[in-house]
């Protein structure tokens, strides 16, 4: 039993080391940029998602009951879409 466990652990270790390593040279570290001010908002954003294809930030703003769409290159609000309800499941 112990020999089987040792063999299994060895096999897992070998397979982990054979996985491709992340290409660290291609990743860019996060840096602090200018804050993005969204006019007419109160409170905080509860959910954020980056749309990499369109280079936009989607921000669910539950206090205002909106989904704010922000252009990442210039930090400007593209559109604020009313959700009509609280976006969280905590009702």
N, C-alpha and C. Protein backbone atom coordinates (compact mmCIF):
# COMPACT_ATOMS: atom_id res chain seq x y z
N UNK A 1 0.82 -1.19 0.00
CA UNK A 1 0.00 0.00 0.00
C UNK A 1 0.87 1.26 0.00
N UNK A 2 1.89 1.28 0.90
CA UNK A 2 2.77 2.45 0.97
C UNK A 2 3.55 2.63 -0.33
N UNK A 3 3.92 1.50 -0.95
CA UNK A 3 4.67 1.57 -2.20
C UNK A 3 3.80 2.14 -3.31
N UNK A 4 2.52 1.74 -3.35
CA UNK A 4 1.58 2.27 -4.35
C UNK A 4 1.38 3.77 -4.17
N UNK A 5 1.26 4.19 -2.90
CA UNK A 5 1.08 5.61 -2.61
C UNK A 5 2.32 6.39 -3.01
N UNK A 6 3.49 5.86 -2.73
CA UNK A 6 4.74 6.53 -3.11
C UNK A 6 4.85 6.62 -4.63
N UNK A 7 4.49 5.55 -5.34
CA UNK A 7 4.52 5.58 -6.80
C UNK A 7 3.53 6.59 -7.36
N UNK A 8 2.34 6.68 -6.76
CA UNK A 8 1.34 7.63 -7.21
C UNK A 8 1.82 9.06 -6.99
N UNK A 9 2.42 9.33 -5.83
CA UNK A 9 2.94 10.67 -5.54
C UNK A 9 4.06 11.04 -6.51
N UNK A 10 4.91 10.06 -6.81
CA UNK A 10 6.00 10.31 -7.77
C UNK A 10 5.45 10.62 -9.15
N UNK A 11 4.44 9.87 -9.56
CA UNK A 11 3.83 10.09 -10.88
C UNK A 11 3.19 11.47 -10.96
N UNK A 12 2.52 11.89 -9.88
CA UNK A 12 1.90 13.21 -9.86
C UNK A 12 2.97 14.29 -9.92
N UNK A 13 4.03 14.13 -9.16
CA UNK A 13 5.11 15.13 -9.15
C UNK A 13 5.74 15.25 -10.53
N UNK A 14 6.00 14.12 -11.19
CA UNK A 14 6.59 14.15 -12.53
C UNK A 14 5.66 14.83 -13.51
N UNK A 15 4.36 14.53 -13.43
CA UNK A 15 3.42 15.12 -14.37
C UNK A 15 3.27 16.62 -14.11
N UNK A 16 3.35 17.05 -12.85
CA UNK A 16 3.26 18.49 -12.56
C UNK A 16 4.46 19.24 -13.12
N UNK A 17 5.65 18.65 -13.00
CA UNK A 17 6.84 19.31 -13.51
C UNK A 17 6.89 19.31 -15.04
N UNK A 18 6.15 18.41 -15.66
CA UNK A 18 6.18 18.37 -17.12
C UNK A 18 5.14 19.28 -17.76
N UNK A 19 4.29 19.91 -16.93
CA UNK A 19 3.32 20.86 -17.48
C UNK A 19 4.03 22.08 -18.02
N UNK A 20 3.48 22.71 -19.06
CA UNK A 20 4.12 23.91 -19.60
C UNK A 20 4.15 25.03 -18.57
N UNK A 21 5.23 25.73 -18.50
CA UNK A 21 5.37 26.85 -17.57
C UNK A 21 4.73 28.09 -18.18
N UNK A 22 4.13 28.95 -17.36
CA UNK A 22 3.59 30.18 -17.91
C UNK A 22 4.69 31.01 -18.56
N UNK A 23 4.35 31.69 -19.59
CA UNK A 23 5.33 32.51 -20.30
C UNK A 23 5.43 33.85 -19.59
N UNK A 24 6.29 33.91 -18.60
CA UNK A 24 6.41 35.10 -17.77
C UNK A 24 6.86 36.32 -18.56
N UNK A 25 7.62 36.12 -19.61
CA UNK A 25 8.10 37.25 -20.40
C UNK A 25 6.95 37.95 -21.13
N UNK A 26 5.85 37.23 -21.34
CA UNK A 26 4.73 37.81 -22.07
C UNK A 26 3.70 38.45 -21.16
N UNK A 27 3.78 38.25 -19.85
CA UNK A 27 2.81 38.85 -18.95
C UNK A 27 3.28 40.24 -18.54
N UNK A 28 2.31 41.09 -18.31
CA UNK A 28 2.60 42.46 -17.90
C UNK A 28 2.10 42.62 -16.47
N UNK A 29 2.93 43.12 -15.56
CA UNK A 29 2.47 43.29 -14.19
C UNK A 29 1.41 44.39 -14.10
N UNK A 30 0.56 44.26 -13.10
CA UNK A 30 -0.45 45.29 -12.87
C UNK A 30 0.23 46.55 -12.37
N UNK A 31 -0.24 47.67 -12.85
CA UNK A 31 0.28 48.95 -12.39
C UNK A 31 -0.89 49.85 -12.02
N UNK A 32 -0.65 50.74 -11.10
CA UNK A 32 -1.66 51.68 -10.68
C UNK A 32 -1.84 52.75 -11.75
N UNK A 33 -3.07 52.95 -12.17
CA UNK A 33 -3.36 53.97 -13.17
C UNK A 33 -4.21 55.06 -12.55
N UNK A 34 -4.74 55.90 -13.39
CA UNK A 34 -5.61 56.98 -12.93
C UNK A 34 -6.98 56.40 -12.55
N UNK A 35 -7.60 56.93 -11.51
CA UNK A 35 -8.94 56.45 -11.16
C UNK A 35 -9.94 56.80 -12.26
N UNK A 36 -10.92 55.95 -12.44
CA UNK A 36 -11.99 56.21 -13.40
C UNK A 36 -13.18 56.73 -12.61
N UNK A 37 -13.60 57.95 -12.90
CA UNK A 37 -14.72 58.57 -12.22
C UNK A 37 -15.97 58.35 -13.06
N UNK A 38 -16.99 57.75 -12.45
CA UNK A 38 -18.26 57.54 -13.14
C UNK A 38 -19.25 58.54 -12.54
N UNK A 39 -19.68 59.53 -13.34
CA UNK A 39 -20.54 60.58 -12.81
C UNK A 39 -21.91 60.06 -12.36
N UNK A 40 -22.44 60.69 -11.32
CA UNK A 40 -23.78 60.37 -10.86
C UNK A 40 -23.91 59.04 -10.15
N UNK A 41 -22.83 58.54 -9.59
CA UNK A 41 -22.91 57.25 -8.90
C UNK A 41 -22.72 57.42 -7.41
N UNK A 42 -23.28 56.48 -6.67
CA UNK A 42 -23.10 56.43 -5.22
C UNK A 42 -22.70 55.00 -4.87
N UNK A 43 -22.01 54.85 -3.79
CA UNK A 43 -21.69 53.51 -3.33
C UNK A 43 -20.51 52.90 -4.05
N UNK A 44 -20.62 51.60 -4.31
CA UNK A 44 -19.49 50.87 -4.87
C UNK A 44 -19.94 49.98 -6.02
N UNK A 45 -18.96 49.43 -6.70
CA UNK A 45 -19.24 48.45 -7.73
C UNK A 45 -19.11 47.07 -7.10
N UNK A 46 -20.07 46.22 -7.38
CA UNK A 46 -20.06 44.89 -6.77
C UNK A 46 -19.46 43.82 -7.66
N UNK A 47 -19.55 43.99 -8.96
CA UNK A 47 -19.02 43.00 -9.89
C UNK A 47 -18.32 43.73 -11.03
N UNK A 48 -17.13 43.26 -11.38
CA UNK A 48 -16.37 43.83 -12.49
C UNK A 48 -15.97 42.72 -13.45
N UNK A 49 -16.01 43.01 -14.73
CA UNK A 49 -15.59 42.06 -15.75
C UNK A 49 -14.92 42.86 -16.87
N UNK A 50 -13.78 42.40 -17.33
CA UNK A 50 -13.09 43.05 -18.44
C UNK A 50 -13.45 42.33 -19.72
N UNK A 51 -13.90 43.10 -20.71
CA UNK A 51 -14.15 42.57 -22.05
C UNK A 51 -12.88 42.86 -22.84
N UNK A 52 -12.01 41.86 -22.92
CA UNK A 52 -10.70 42.06 -23.56
C UNK A 52 -10.83 42.32 -25.06
N UNK A 53 -11.82 41.72 -25.68
CA UNK A 53 -12.00 41.88 -27.13
C UNK A 53 -12.35 43.32 -27.49
N UNK A 54 -13.25 43.92 -26.72
CA UNK A 54 -13.68 45.30 -26.99
C UNK A 54 -12.95 46.33 -26.13
N UNK A 55 -12.08 45.86 -25.22
CA UNK A 55 -11.29 46.73 -24.35
C UNK A 55 -12.19 47.63 -23.50
N UNK A 56 -13.14 46.97 -22.83
CA UNK A 56 -14.10 47.68 -22.00
C UNK A 56 -14.18 47.04 -20.62
N UNK A 57 -14.58 47.85 -19.66
CA UNK A 57 -14.83 47.37 -18.31
C UNK A 57 -16.33 47.37 -18.10
N UNK A 58 -16.88 46.23 -17.67
CA UNK A 58 -18.30 46.13 -17.35
C UNK A 58 -18.41 46.13 -15.84
N UNK A 59 -19.11 47.10 -15.30
CA UNK A 59 -19.18 47.26 -13.86
C UNK A 59 -20.63 47.27 -13.39
N UNK A 60 -21.01 46.27 -12.61
CA UNK A 60 -22.36 46.21 -12.03
C UNK A 60 -22.38 47.11 -10.81
N UNK A 61 -23.19 48.12 -10.88
CA UNK A 61 -23.29 49.11 -9.81
C UNK A 61 -24.63 48.93 -9.12
N UNK A 62 -24.64 48.12 -8.06
CA UNK A 62 -25.92 47.73 -7.46
C UNK A 62 -26.64 48.87 -6.74
N UNK A 63 -25.91 49.83 -6.20
CA UNK A 63 -26.58 50.95 -5.53
C UNK A 63 -27.39 51.76 -6.52
N UNK A 64 -26.84 52.01 -7.69
CA UNK A 64 -27.55 52.76 -8.73
C UNK A 64 -28.44 51.87 -9.59
N UNK A 65 -28.32 50.56 -9.42
CA UNK A 65 -29.06 49.59 -10.22
C UNK A 65 -28.75 49.77 -11.70
N UNK A 66 -27.43 49.82 -12.01
CA UNK A 66 -27.00 50.00 -13.38
C UNK A 66 -25.84 49.06 -13.71
N UNK A 67 -25.67 48.83 -14.98
CA UNK A 67 -24.47 48.18 -15.50
C UNK A 67 -23.74 49.27 -16.28
N UNK A 68 -22.58 49.65 -15.80
CA UNK A 68 -21.82 50.72 -16.43
C UNK A 68 -20.77 50.13 -17.36
N UNK A 69 -20.73 50.65 -18.58
CA UNK A 69 -19.78 50.19 -19.59
C UNK A 69 -18.75 51.29 -19.78
N UNK A 70 -17.49 50.96 -19.50
CA UNK A 70 -16.43 51.96 -19.47
C UNK A 70 -15.35 51.59 -20.48
N UNK A 71 -14.92 52.57 -21.27
CA UNK A 71 -13.82 52.37 -22.22
C UNK A 71 -12.52 52.36 -21.43
N UNK A 72 -11.76 51.28 -21.58
CA UNK A 72 -10.50 51.20 -20.83
C UNK A 72 -9.39 52.10 -21.37
N UNK A 73 -9.28 52.30 -22.69
CA UNK A 73 -8.19 53.17 -23.15
C UNK A 73 -8.27 54.60 -22.62
N UNK A 74 -9.48 55.16 -22.53
CA UNK A 74 -9.57 56.54 -22.07
C UNK A 74 -10.29 56.71 -20.73
N UNK A 75 -10.84 55.62 -20.18
CA UNK A 75 -11.49 55.68 -18.87
C UNK A 75 -12.82 56.40 -18.87
N UNK A 76 -13.44 56.55 -20.02
CA UNK A 76 -14.71 57.28 -20.10
C UNK A 76 -15.89 56.33 -20.09
N UNK A 77 -16.98 56.80 -19.48
CA UNK A 77 -18.21 56.04 -19.44
C UNK A 77 -18.83 56.02 -20.83
N UNK A 78 -19.03 54.84 -21.39
CA UNK A 78 -19.67 54.70 -22.70
C UNK A 78 -21.18 54.74 -22.54
N UNK A 79 -21.66 53.94 -21.59
CA UNK A 79 -23.10 53.86 -21.40
C UNK A 79 -23.40 53.31 -20.01
N UNK A 80 -24.50 53.77 -19.45
CA UNK A 80 -24.99 53.25 -18.19
C UNK A 80 -26.36 52.64 -18.47
N UNK A 81 -26.47 51.33 -18.29
CA UNK A 81 -27.70 50.61 -18.61
C UNK A 81 -28.45 50.31 -17.32
N UNK A 82 -29.69 50.75 -17.24
CA UNK A 82 -30.51 50.49 -16.05
C UNK A 82 -30.87 49.01 -16.00
N UNK A 83 -30.66 48.41 -14.83
CA UNK A 83 -31.03 47.00 -14.66
C UNK A 83 -32.43 46.86 -14.08
N UNK A 84 -32.91 47.92 -13.45
CA UNK A 84 -34.26 47.90 -12.90
C UNK A 84 -34.39 47.07 -11.63
N UNK A 85 -33.33 46.43 -11.21
CA UNK A 85 -33.39 45.61 -9.99
C UNK A 85 -31.99 45.48 -9.42
N UNK A 86 -31.94 45.02 -8.21
CA UNK A 86 -30.67 44.78 -7.55
C UNK A 86 -29.97 43.62 -8.27
N UNK A 87 -28.71 43.77 -8.62
CA UNK A 87 -27.98 42.77 -9.39
C UNK A 87 -27.46 41.63 -8.53
N UNK A 88 -27.54 41.74 -7.23
CA UNK A 88 -27.02 40.67 -6.38
C UNK A 88 -28.12 39.67 -6.09
N UNK A 89 -27.73 38.50 -5.65
CA UNK A 89 -28.71 37.48 -5.29
C UNK A 89 -29.15 37.65 -3.84
N UNK A 90 -28.64 38.67 -3.17
CA UNK A 90 -28.99 38.93 -1.76
C UNK A 90 -30.16 39.89 -1.72
N UNK A 91 -31.35 39.43 -1.92
CA UNK A 91 -32.55 40.31 -1.90
C UNK A 91 -33.27 40.23 -0.58
